[in-house]
């Protein structure tokens, strides 16, 4: 069973017609959307020229049977702490939201679908770029 966690830039790519992202999603049994990613998307929508239209597209996407929204859990917090400490020790810090997203990918045993190369600094994170 293949699980994917869709990063913000991967969702944006999908909405812009990126066929590689579409093909990867088509292979997945479950596509997770983090509440962190949803927050980033809504921030972008509200700062843009067509918030209602973009929110409607997102709502339709989230209603698909294979899409699951995931929250932050106690386990996510523990993984977050481990990752943040590891990155600090390596002097390879990345944006805080991305640490949370990586923690959720590890927690759900998902492949993170992203274009951000800085995720490669995190051990035990499976990803498609």
Foldseek 3Di string as FASTA:
>chain_A
DAEEEEALVLVVCVVVPNVVSVVVVVPHQAYEYEPLSVVVQQVVLVPDDHNVVSVVVVVVVCPDPRYDYDYQDPQLVVQLVVQQVQCVVVVLDDDSSVSSSQSVCQVVVHEYEDPDPSCVSGPPHHYDD
